[in-house]
Amino acid sequence: PTNIFLHNPEPNPIPVLKLGDFGLATPLDKCCSGSRASGGGFAGTPAYAAPEVIAGMSIGSAEGDAWSTGCVIQELCTLSKAFGACHLTTLMRSIVHNQRAPLRPSPYPGELLDVVEGLLLPDFEARLSVPTALSKVHNLVQGANIKTRGLYKVPSSSQMFRSICDDRLPMLTPVSF
């Protein structure tokens, strides 16, 4: 998830997650207008691609975005990709056959894991939609006592190099909320 950014709008003390990879962006009215099949080749990051995308049935849909969201949430929960393989063909086969890394047992609530599993259903018509998933997660989080960890801004590689050359340790700057 190197394309997920934390944005902290000035008047609002609560940070917002934003997606930042628009290299393959298509307006929703062009890619998701009800047609499931599209022409063209594969586009996107293979480890987050939905089975129907790999099978060539679609190159952009809300259902495919739901699948990718499930992959990201599972990766955040397990600290490893939902679908990982050394070779592209093996990766694609594991996605099409839904052979992903185990999600359970987990320290996270079963309701959250149910959302992830609902987002990663191979049948796109049975898959949980992103709005439904967000609603379920919102209900889960609302009123929950959630512990947060401090976030730090990591220095750039040039700042780290200068620190090392100056015989200093690179500094991590706390990010305030």
N, C-alpha and C. Protein backbone atom coordinates (compact mmCIF):
# COMPACT_ATOMS: atom_id res chain seq x y z
N PRO A 1 0.80 -1.21 0.00
CA PRO A 1 0.00 0.00 0.00
C PRO A 1 0.84 1.28 0.00
N THR A 2 1.77 1.38 -0.94
CA THR A 2 2.56 2.61 -1.03
C THR A 2 1.78 3.73 -1.68
N ASN A 3 0.59 3.45 -2.20
CA ASN A 3 -0.24 4.48 -2.82
C ASN A 3 -1.34 4.96 -1.89
N ILE A 4 -1.25 4.64 -0.62
CA ILE A 4 -2.22 5.09 0.37
C ILE A 4 -1.54 6.14 1.22
N PHE A 5 -2.15 7.31 1.30
CA PHE A 5 -1.54 8.43 1.99
C PHE A 5 -2.42 8.89 3.14
N LEU A 6 -1.78 9.48 4.14
CA LEU A 6 -2.46 10.04 5.28
C LEU A 6 -2.51 11.55 5.08
N HIS A 7 -3.72 12.09 4.97
CA HIS A 7 -3.91 13.53 4.77
C HIS A 7 -4.52 14.11 6.03
N ASN A 8 -3.95 15.20 6.51
CA ASN A 8 -4.45 15.84 7.72
C ASN A 8 -4.91 17.24 7.38
N PRO A 9 -6.21 17.41 7.03
CA PRO A 9 -6.70 18.74 6.70
C PRO A 9 -6.58 19.68 7.90
N GLU A 10 -6.21 20.91 7.64
CA GLU A 10 -5.90 21.88 8.70
C GLU A 10 -6.97 22.01 9.79
N PRO A 11 -8.22 22.34 9.47
CA PRO A 11 -9.15 22.56 10.58
C PRO A 11 -9.61 21.27 11.25
N ASN A 12 -9.44 20.15 10.58
CA ASN A 12 -9.93 18.88 11.11
C ASN A 12 -8.79 18.11 11.76
N PRO A 13 -8.90 17.76 13.04
CA PRO A 13 -7.81 17.04 13.71
C PRO A 13 -7.74 15.56 13.35
N ILE A 14 -8.73 15.05 12.63
CA ILE A 14 -8.76 13.62 12.30
C ILE A 14 -8.16 13.40 10.91
N PRO A 15 -7.12 12.58 10.81
CA PRO A 15 -6.52 12.33 9.50
C PRO A 15 -7.43 11.50 8.59
N VAL A 16 -7.21 11.64 7.30
CA VAL A 16 -8.02 10.96 6.30
C VAL A 16 -7.09 10.15 5.41
N LEU A 17 -7.46 8.89 5.12
CA LEU A 17 -6.69 8.08 4.19
C LEU A 17 -7.12 8.43 2.77
N LYS A 18 -6.13 8.58 1.88
CA LYS A 18 -6.42 8.89 0.48
C LYS A 18 -5.62 7.97 -0.42
N LEU A 19 -6.25 7.57 -1.53
CA LEU A 19 -5.56 6.78 -2.53
C LEU A 19 -4.87 7.74 -3.48
N GLY A 20 -3.63 7.43 -3.86
CA GLY A 20 -2.86 8.39 -4.64
C GLY A 20 -2.32 7.90 -5.96
N ASP A 21 -2.67 6.73 -6.43
CA ASP A 21 -2.14 6.25 -7.70
C ASP A 21 -3.19 6.44 -8.77
N PHE A 22 -3.01 7.46 -9.59
CA PHE A 22 -3.99 7.74 -10.62
C PHE A 22 -3.44 7.48 -12.01
N GLY A 23 -2.39 6.70 -12.11
CA GLY A 23 -1.82 6.39 -13.41
C GLY A 23 -2.76 5.61 -14.30
N LEU A 24 -3.68 4.87 -13.70
CA LEU A 24 -4.63 4.06 -14.47
C LEU A 24 -6.05 4.55 -14.28
N ALA A 25 -6.22 5.76 -13.75
CA ALA A 25 -7.54 6.25 -13.42
C ALA A 25 -8.41 6.43 -14.65
N THR A 26 -9.68 6.09 -14.48
CA THR A 26 -10.69 6.27 -15.51
C THR A 26 -11.91 6.86 -14.83
N PRO A 27 -12.56 7.85 -15.42
CA PRO A 27 -13.78 8.37 -14.80
C PRO A 27 -14.80 7.26 -14.59
N LEU A 28 -15.48 7.30 -13.45
CA LEU A 28 -16.42 6.23 -13.12
C LEU A 28 -17.49 6.05 -14.18
N ASP A 29 -17.94 7.13 -14.80
CA ASP A 29 -18.99 6.98 -15.80
C ASP A 29 -18.49 6.28 -17.06
N LYS A 30 -17.16 6.22 -17.24
CA LYS A 30 -16.59 5.54 -18.40
C LYS A 30 -16.34 4.05 -18.12
N CYS A 31 -15.90 3.73 -16.88
CA CYS A 31 -15.51 2.34 -16.61
C CYS A 31 -16.58 1.53 -15.91
N CYS A 32 -17.50 2.16 -15.25
CA CYS A 32 -18.45 1.43 -14.41
C CYS A 32 -19.88 1.73 -14.80
N SER A 33 -20.17 1.83 -16.07
CA SER A 33 -21.50 2.22 -16.52
C SER A 33 -22.44 1.04 -16.68
N GLY A 34 -22.18 -0.04 -15.99
CA GLY A 34 -23.07 -1.20 -16.06
C GLY A 34 -22.53 -2.32 -16.90
N SER A 35 -21.61 -2.06 -17.77
CA SER A 35 -21.02 -3.11 -18.60
C SER A 35 -19.95 -3.84 -17.81
N ARG A 36 -20.04 -5.13 -17.74
CA ARG A 36 -19.06 -5.91 -16.99
C ARG A 36 -17.85 -6.25 -17.85
N ALA A 37 -18.02 -6.40 -19.12
CA ALA A 37 -16.92 -6.78 -19.99
C ALA A 37 -16.36 -5.56 -20.69
N SER A 38 -15.07 -5.52 -20.80
CA SER A 38 -14.41 -4.40 -21.46
C SER A 38 -13.30 -4.93 -22.33
N GLY A 39 -13.00 -4.20 -23.37
CA GLY A 39 -11.88 -4.59 -24.21
C GLY A 39 -10.59 -4.11 -23.60
N GLY A 40 -9.49 -4.53 -24.17
CA GLY A 40 -8.19 -4.05 -23.69
C GLY A 40 -7.49 -5.07 -22.85
N GLY A 41 -6.29 -4.74 -22.45
CA GLY A 41 -5.46 -5.66 -21.69
C GLY A 41 -5.53 -5.41 -20.20
N PHE A 42 -4.69 -6.10 -19.50
CA PHE A 42 -4.64 -6.01 -18.05
C PHE A 42 -4.00 -4.69 -17.63
N ALA A 43 -4.56 -4.05 -16.62
CA ALA A 43 -3.99 -2.82 -16.07
C ALA A 43 -4.11 -2.88 -14.56
N GLY A 44 -3.11 -2.38 -13.87
CA GLY A 44 -3.17 -2.33 -12.41
C GLY A 44 -2.06 -3.14 -11.78
N THR A 45 -2.09 -3.21 -10.45
CA THR A 45 -1.11 -3.96 -9.69
C THR A 45 -1.63 -5.38 -9.52
N PRO A 46 -0.95 -6.38 -10.06
CA PRO A 46 -1.48 -7.75 -10.08
C PRO A 46 -1.90 -8.30 -8.71
N ALA A 47 -1.16 -8.02 -7.66
CA ALA A 47 -1.49 -8.59 -6.35
C ALA A 47 -2.82 -8.10 -5.80
N TYR A 48 -3.36 -7.01 -6.35
CA TYR A 48 -4.61 -6.44 -5.88
C TYR A 48 -5.72 -6.56 -6.92
N ALA A 49 -5.45 -7.25 -8.02
CA ALA A 49 -6.42 -7.37 -9.10
C ALA A 49 -7.46 -8.44 -8.78
N ALA A 50 -8.70 -8.13 -9.10
CA ALA A 50 -9.80 -9.06 -8.86
C ALA A 50 -9.75 -10.21 -9.87
N PRO A 51 -10.33 -11.36 -9.51
CA PRO A 51 -10.31 -12.51 -10.43
C PRO A 51 -10.91 -12.20 -11.80
N GLU A 52 -11.98 -11.41 -11.82
CA GLU A 52 -12.61 -11.08 -13.10
C GLU A 52 -11.71 -10.19 -13.96
N VAL A 53 -10.86 -9.41 -13.33
CA VAL A 53 -9.91 -8.59 -14.08
C VAL A 53 -8.84 -9.49 -14.70
N ILE A 54 -8.34 -10.42 -13.91
CA ILE A 54 -7.32 -11.35 -14.41
C ILE A 54 -7.88 -12.23 -15.52
N ALA A 55 -9.15 -12.61 -15.39
CA ALA A 55 -9.78 -13.45 -16.40
C ALA A 55 -10.14 -12.67 -17.66
N GLY A 56 -9.98 -11.34 -17.63
CA GLY A 56 -10.26 -10.52 -18.80
C GLY A 56 -11.72 -10.14 -18.96
N MET A 57 -12.54 -10.39 -17.93
CA MET A 57 -13.97 -10.06 -18.01
C MET A 57 -14.23 -8.58 -17.75
N SER A 58 -13.28 -7.89 -17.12
CA SER A 58 -13.48 -6.49 -16.75
C SER A 58 -12.12 -5.84 -16.56
N ILE A 59 -12.03 -4.54 -16.83
CA ILE A 59 -10.80 -3.82 -16.50
C ILE A 59 -11.06 -2.73 -15.48
N GLY A 60 -12.30 -2.47 -15.16
CA GLY A 60 -12.62 -1.47 -14.16
C GLY A 60 -14.04 -1.58 -13.71
N SER A 61 -14.25 -1.80 -12.43
CA SER A 61 -15.61 -1.89 -11.90
C SER A 61 -15.58 -1.63 -10.41
N ALA A 62 -16.74 -1.28 -9.88
CA ALA A 62 -16.85 -1.07 -8.44
C ALA A 62 -16.57 -2.38 -7.70
N GLU A 63 -16.97 -3.50 -8.29
CA GLU A 63 -16.72 -4.80 -7.67
C GLU A 63 -15.22 -5.10 -7.60
N GLY A 64 -14.49 -4.73 -8.65
CA GLY A 64 -13.04 -4.90 -8.65
C GLY A 64 -12.37 -4.02 -7.61
N ASP A 65 -12.90 -2.80 -7.44
CA ASP A 65 -12.37 -1.91 -6.40
C ASP A 65 -12.64 -2.49 -5.01
N ALA A 66 -13.80 -3.13 -4.84
CA ALA A 66 -14.11 -3.77 -3.56
C ALA A 66 -13.10 -4.88 -3.26
N TRP A 67 -12.77 -5.67 -4.28
CA TRP A 67 -11.77 -6.73 -4.12
C TRP A 67 -10.43 -6.13 -3.69
N SER A 68 -9.99 -5.10 -4.38
CA SER A 68 -8.71 -4.46 -4.05
C SER A 68 -8.71 -3.91 -2.63
N THR A 69 -9.85 -3.34 -2.22
CA THR A 69 -9.98 -2.84 -0.85
C THR A 69 -9.82 -3.98 0.15
N GLY A 70 -10.41 -5.13 -0.14
CA GLY A 70 -10.25 -6.30 0.72
C GLY A 70 -8.80 -6.74 0.82
N CYS A 71 -8.09 -6.69 -0.31
CA CYS A 71 -6.67 -7.05 -0.31
C CYS A 71 -5.86 -6.12 0.58
N VAL A 72 -6.17 -4.81 0.49
CA VAL A 72 -5.44 -3.82 1.29
C VAL A 72 -5.74 -4.01 2.77
N ILE A 73 -7.02 -4.20 3.13
CA ILE A 73 -7.37 -4.38 4.54
C ILE A 73 -6.74 -5.64 5.10
N GLN A 74 -6.75 -6.73 4.32
CA GLN A 74 -6.10 -7.95 4.80
C GLN A 74 -4.61 -7.72 5.01
N GLU A 75 -3.98 -7.01 4.09
CA GLU A 75 -2.55 -6.72 4.24
C GLU A 75 -2.28 -5.88 5.49
N LEU A 76 -3.16 -4.93 5.78
CA LEU A 76 -2.99 -4.12 6.99
C LEU A 76 -3.16 -4.96 8.25
N CYS A 77 -4.06 -5.95 8.20
CA CYS A 77 -4.30 -6.81 9.37
C CYS A 77 -3.21 -7.85 9.58
N THR A 78 -2.65 -8.37 8.50
CA THR A 78 -1.71 -9.49 8.61
C THR A 78 -0.26 -9.10 8.36
N LEU A 79 -0.05 -7.88 7.83
CA LEU A 79 1.28 -7.38 7.47
C LEU A 79 1.92 -8.22 6.37
N SER A 80 1.10 -8.87 5.56
CA SER A 80 1.58 -9.56 4.37
C SER A 80 0.48 -9.54 3.32
N LYS A 81 0.87 -9.63 2.06
CA LYS A 81 -0.11 -9.56 0.98
C LYS A 81 -1.10 -10.72 1.07
N ALA A 82 -2.34 -10.44 0.71
CA ALA A 82 -3.36 -11.49 0.69
C ALA A 82 -2.99 -12.56 -0.32
N PHE A 83 -2.47 -12.13 -1.46
CA PHE A 83 -2.04 -13.05 -2.52
C PHE A 83 -0.60 -12.71 -2.85
N GLY A 84 0.29 -13.65 -2.60
CA GLY A 84 1.69 -13.41 -2.88
C GLY A 84 2.29 -14.62 -3.57
N ALA A 85 3.14 -14.36 -4.53
CA ALA A 85 3.82 -15.44 -5.25
C ALA A 85 5.06 -14.85 -5.91
N CYS A 86 6.01 -15.71 -6.19
CA CYS A 86 7.26 -15.27 -6.83
C CYS A 86 7.09 -15.03 -8.32
N HIS A 87 6.13 -15.71 -8.93
CA HIS A 87 5.94 -15.60 -10.37
C HIS A 87 4.54 -15.09 -10.67
N LEU A 88 4.43 -14.27 -11.70
CA LEU A 88 3.16 -13.66 -12.06
C LEU A 88 2.08 -14.70 -12.36
N THR A 89 2.43 -15.76 -13.07
CA THR A 89 1.42 -16.77 -13.40
C THR A 89 0.92 -17.48 -12.14
N THR A 90 1.81 -17.73 -11.19
CA THR A 90 1.41 -18.37 -9.93
C THR A 90 0.52 -17.42 -9.13
N LEU A 91 0.87 -16.14 -9.12
CA LEU A 91 0.06 -15.14 -8.43
C LEU A 91 -1.34 -15.09 -9.03
N MET A 92 -1.42 -15.01 -10.34
CA MET A 92 -2.73 -14.93 -10.99
C MET A 92 -3.56 -16.18 -10.75
N ARG A 93 -2.92 -17.34 -10.76
CA ARG A 93 -3.64 -18.59 -10.48
C ARG A 93 -4.17 -18.58 -9.05
N SER A 94 -3.37 -18.11 -8.10
CA SER A 94 -3.82 -18.09 -6.70
C SER A 94 -4.99 -17.13 -6.51
N ILE A 95 -5.02 -16.02 -7.27
CA ILE A 95 -6.14 -15.08 -7.17
C ILE A 95 -7.40 -15.70 -7.78
N VAL A 96 -7.29 -16.27 -8.96
CA VAL A 96 -8.45 -16.85 -9.64
C VAL A 96 -9.05 -17.98 -8.80
N HIS A 97 -8.21 -18.76 -8.11
CA HIS A 97 -8.69 -19.88 -7.29
C HIS A 97 -8.85 -19.49 -5.82
N ASN A 98 -8.71 -18.20 -5.52
CA ASN A 98 -8.87 -17.65 -4.17
C ASN A 98 -8.03 -18.39 -3.13
N GLN A 99 -6.79 -18.63 -3.48
CA GLN A 99 -5.85 -19.28 -2.55
C GLN A 99 -5.01 -18.20 -1.90
N ARG A 100 -5.60 -17.57 -0.87
CA ARG A 100 -4.91 -16.45 -0.24
C ARG A 100 -4.34 -16.84 1.11
N ALA A 101 -3.51 -15.94 1.62
CA ALA A 101 -2.91 -16.15 2.94
C ALA A 101 -4.03 -16.21 3.98
N PRO A 102 -3.86 -17.02 5.02
CA PRO A 102 -4.92 -17.11 6.02
C PRO A 102 -5.10 -15.80 6.77
N LEU A 103 -6.35 -15.49 7.07
CA LEU A 103 -6.69 -14.28 7.81
C LEU A 103 -6.96 -14.59 9.29
N ARG A 104 -7.39 -15.79 9.55
CA ARG A 104 -7.70 -16.21 10.92
C ARG A 104 -6.73 -17.30 11.35
N PRO A 105 -6.36 -17.41 12.58
CA PRO A 105 -6.75 -16.61 13.73
C PRO A 105 -6.13 -15.20 13.64
N SER A 106 -6.77 -14.26 14.32
CA SER A 106 -6.35 -12.87 14.24
C SER A 106 -6.70 -12.16 15.54
N PRO A 107 -5.94 -11.14 15.88
CA PRO A 107 -6.29 -10.35 17.07
C PRO A 107 -7.43 -9.36 16.80
N TYR A 108 -7.88 -9.26 15.54
CA TYR A 108 -8.91 -8.31 15.16
C TYR A 108 -10.30 -8.91 15.34
N PRO A 109 -11.31 -8.07 15.53
CA PRO A 109 -12.67 -8.58 15.73
C PRO A 109 -13.16 -9.40 14.54
N GLY A 110 -13.94 -10.42 14.84
CA GLY A 110 -14.49 -11.28 13.80
C GLY A 110 -15.32 -10.51 12.79
N GLU A 111 -16.00 -9.43 13.23
CA GLU A 111 -16.81 -8.63 12.32
C GLU A 111 -15.94 -7.97 11.24
N LEU A 112 -14.74 -7.52 11.62
CA LEU A 112 -13.83 -6.93 10.64
C LEU A 112 -13.33 -7.99 9.66
N LEU A 113 -13.01 -9.16 10.18
CA LEU A 113 -12.54 -10.24 9.32
C LEU A 113 -13.65 -10.70 8.37
N ASP A 114 -14.91 -10.66 8.86
CA ASP A 114 -16.04 -10.99 7.98
C ASP A 114 -16.14 -10.00 6.83
N VAL A 115 -15.87 -8.72 7.09
CA VAL A 115 -15.90 -7.71 6.04
C VAL A 115 -14.82 -8.01 5.00
N VAL A 116 -13.61 -8.31 5.47
CA VAL A 116 -12.52 -8.64 4.54
C VAL A 116 -12.89 -9.84 3.69
N GLU A 117 -13.40 -10.88 4.32
CA GLU A 117 -13.78 -12.09 3.58
C GLU A 117 -14.92 -11.80 2.60
N GLY A 118 -15.84 -10.89 2.97
CA GLY A 118 -16.92 -10.51 2.07
C GLY A 118 -16.42 -9.72 0.87
N LEU A 119 -15.37 -8.92 1.08
CA LEU A 119 -14.78 -8.16 -0.03
C LEU A 119 -13.97 -9.06 -0.96
N LEU A 120 -13.50 -10.18 -0.44
CA LEU A 120 -12.66 -11.08 -1.23
C LEU A 120 -13.41 -12.32 -1.73
N LEU A 121 -14.70 -12.20 -1.90
CA LEU A 121 -15.46 -13.30 -2.51
C LEU A 121 -15.15 -13.32 -4.01
N PRO A 122 -14.79 -14.48 -4.56
CA PRO A 122 -14.43 -14.56 -5.97
C PRO A 122 -15.58 -14.19 -6.92
N ASP A 123 -16.83 -14.47 -6.52
CA ASP A 123 -17.99 -14.14 -7.35
C ASP A 123 -18.31 -12.66 -7.15
N PHE A 124 -18.07 -11.85 -8.18
CA PHE A 124 -18.24 -10.40 -8.03
C PHE A 124 -19.68 -10.00 -7.74
N GLU A 125 -20.64 -10.82 -8.12
CA GLU A 125 -22.04 -10.49 -7.84
C GLU A 125 -22.39 -10.73 -6.37
N ALA A 126 -21.66 -11.63 -5.71
CA ALA A 126 -21.90 -11.92 -4.29
C ALA A 126 -21.00 -11.08 -3.39
N ARG A 127 -20.01 -10.43 -3.97
CA ARG A 127 -19.01 -9.67 -3.21
C ARG A 127 -19.66 -8.49 -2.49
N LEU A 128 -19.17 -8.22 -1.31
CA LEU A 128 -19.60 -7.07 -0.52
C LEU A 128 -19.22 -5.79 -1.25
N SER A 129 -20.10 -4.82 -1.30
CA SER A 129 -19.77 -3.55 -1.95
C SER A 129 -18.95 -2.69 -0.98
N VAL A 130 -18.20 -1.75 -1.52
CA VAL A 130 -17.39 -0.86 -0.68
C VAL A 130 -18.28 -0.04 0.26
N PRO A 131 -19.39 0.56 -0.21
CA PRO A 131 -20.24 1.30 0.74
C PRO A 131 -20.77 0.43 1.88
N THR A 132 -21.16 -0.80 1.58
CA THR A 132 -21.63 -1.70 2.63
C THR A 132 -20.51 -2.04 3.59
N ALA A 133 -19.32 -2.31 3.04
CA ALA A 133 -18.16 -2.62 3.89
C ALA A 133 -17.81 -1.44 4.80
N LEU A 134 -17.81 -0.23 4.23
CA LEU A 134 -17.50 0.96 5.03
C LEU A 134 -18.53 1.16 6.13
N SER A 135 -19.79 0.92 5.82
CA SER A 135 -20.84 1.05 6.82
C SER A 135 -20.62 0.05 7.96
N LYS A 136 -20.28 -1.19 7.61
CA LYS A 136 -20.04 -2.21 8.64
C LYS A 136 -18.83 -1.85 9.50
N VAL A 137 -17.76 -1.37 8.87
CA VAL A 137 -16.56 -0.99 9.62
C VAL A 137 -16.86 0.22 10.49
N HIS A 138 -17.61 1.18 9.97
CA HIS A 138 -17.98 2.36 10.75
C HIS A 138 -18.76 1.96 11.99
N ASN A 139 -19.73 1.06 11.82
CA ASN A 139 -20.52 0.58 12.96
C ASN A 139 -19.65 -0.16 13.96
N LEU A 140 -18.66 -0.87 13.48
CA LEU A 140 -17.75 -1.62 14.35
C LEU A 140 -16.87 -0.67 15.16
N VAL A 141 -16.39 0.38 14.50
CA VAL A 141 -15.46 1.32 15.14
C VAL A 141 -16.19 2.29 16.07
N GLN A 142 -17.41 2.64 15.70
CA GLN A 142 -18.16 3.62 16.49
C GLN A 142 -18.31 3.15 17.93
N GLY A 143 -17.82 3.93 18.84
CA GLY A 143 -17.93 3.60 20.25
C GLY A 143 -16.88 2.62 20.75
N ALA A 144 -16.02 2.11 19.86
CA ALA A 144 -14.99 1.17 20.29
C ALA A 144 -13.82 1.93 20.90
N ASN A 145 -13.17 1.30 21.84
CA ASN A 145 -11.98 1.90 22.45
C ASN A 145 -10.78 1.46 21.62
N ILE A 146 -10.34 2.32 20.73
CA ILE A 146 -9.26 1.97 19.82
C ILE A 146 -7.97 2.64 20.26
N LYS A 147 -6.95 1.85 20.41
CA LYS A 147 -5.63 2.39 20.75
C LYS A 147 -4.93 2.77 19.46
N THR A 148 -4.33 3.95 19.45
CA THR A 148 -3.60 4.39 18.27
C THR A 148 -2.12 4.40 18.55
N ARG A 149 -1.37 4.20 17.51
CA ARG A 149 0.08 4.27 17.62
C ARG A 149 0.53 5.60 17.05
N GLY A 150 1.65 6.09 17.51
CA GLY A 150 2.18 7.33 16.98
C GLY A 150 2.66 7.14 15.55
N LEU A 151 2.45 8.14 14.73
CA LEU A 151 2.94 8.13 13.35
C LEU A 151 4.13 9.06 13.25
N TYR A 152 5.08 8.68 12.42
CA TYR A 152 6.29 9.47 12.26
C TYR A 152 6.56 9.71 10.79
N LYS A 153 7.03 10.91 10.50
CA LYS A 153 7.45 11.23 9.15
C LYS A 153 8.88 10.73 8.98
N VAL A 154 9.09 9.89 8.00
CA VAL A 154 10.41 9.31 7.75
C VAL A 154 11.20 10.27 6.86
N PRO A 155 12.46 10.52 7.20
CA PRO A 155 13.26 11.43 6.36
C PRO A 155 13.46 10.86 4.96
N SER A 156 13.66 11.76 4.01
CA SER A 156 13.94 11.33 2.64
C SER A 156 15.29 10.64 2.58
N SER A 157 15.54 9.94 1.49
CA SER A 157 16.82 9.24 1.36
C SER A 157 17.98 10.23 1.35
N SER A 158 17.80 11.41 0.75
CA SER A 158 18.90 12.39 0.75
C SER A 158 19.14 12.93 2.16
N GLN A 159 18.08 13.14 2.95
CA GLN A 159 18.25 13.58 4.33
C GLN A 159 18.94 12.51 5.15
N MET A 160 18.59 11.25 4.91
CA MET A 160 19.24 10.16 5.65
C MET A 160 20.72 10.08 5.28
N PHE A 161 21.01 10.23 3.99
CA PHE A 161 22.40 10.16 3.55
C PHE A 161 23.21 11.29 4.18
N ARG A 162 22.66 12.53 4.18
CA ARG A 162 23.35 13.66 4.80
C ARG A 162 23.59 13.40 6.29
N SER A 163 22.59 12.83 6.98
CA SER A 163 22.73 12.54 8.41
C SER A 163 23.85 11.55 8.65
N ILE A 164 23.92 10.53 7.79
CA ILE A 164 24.96 9.51 7.94
C ILE A 164 26.33 10.13 7.67
N CYS A 165 26.42 10.96 6.63
CA CYS A 165 27.70 11.62 6.31
C CYS A 165 28.13 12.57 7.42
N ASP A 166 27.17 13.19 8.10
CA ASP A 166 27.48 14.11 9.20
C ASP A 166 27.66 13.37 10.51
N ASP A 167 27.62 12.04 10.45
CA ASP A 167 27.79 11.21 11.64
C ASP A 167 26.67 11.42 12.67
N ARG A 168 25.46 11.66 12.17
CA ARG A 168 24.28 11.81 13.04
C ARG A 168 23.29 10.70 12.68
N LEU A 169 22.41 10.42 13.61
CA LEU A 169 21.33 9.48 13.33
C LEU A 169 20.19 10.21 12.64
N PRO A 170 19.58 9.62 11.61
CA PRO A 170 18.43 10.26 10.98
C PRO A 170 17.29 10.41 12.00
N MET A 171 16.58 11.51 11.93
CA MET A 171 15.51 11.79 12.89
C MET A 171 14.14 11.46 12.31
N LEU A 172 13.32 10.85 13.12
CA LEU A 172 11.92 10.63 12.75
C LEU A 172 11.11 11.75 13.42
N THR A 173 10.29 12.42 12.65
CA THR A 173 9.50 13.53 13.17
C THR A 173 8.10 13.05 13.47
N PRO A 174 7.63 13.23 14.72
CA PRO A 174 6.25 12.82 15.04
C PRO A 174 5.25 13.62 14.23
N VAL A 175 4.17 12.94 13.80
CA VAL A 175 3.08 13.58 13.08
C VAL A 175 1.97 13.81 14.08
N SER A 176 1.53 15.05 14.19
CA SER A 176 0.48 15.37 15.17
C SER A 176 -0.90 15.19 14.54
N PHE A 177 -1.88 14.90 15.37
CA PHE A 177 -3.26 14.76 14.91
C PHE A 177 -4.09 15.89 15.46
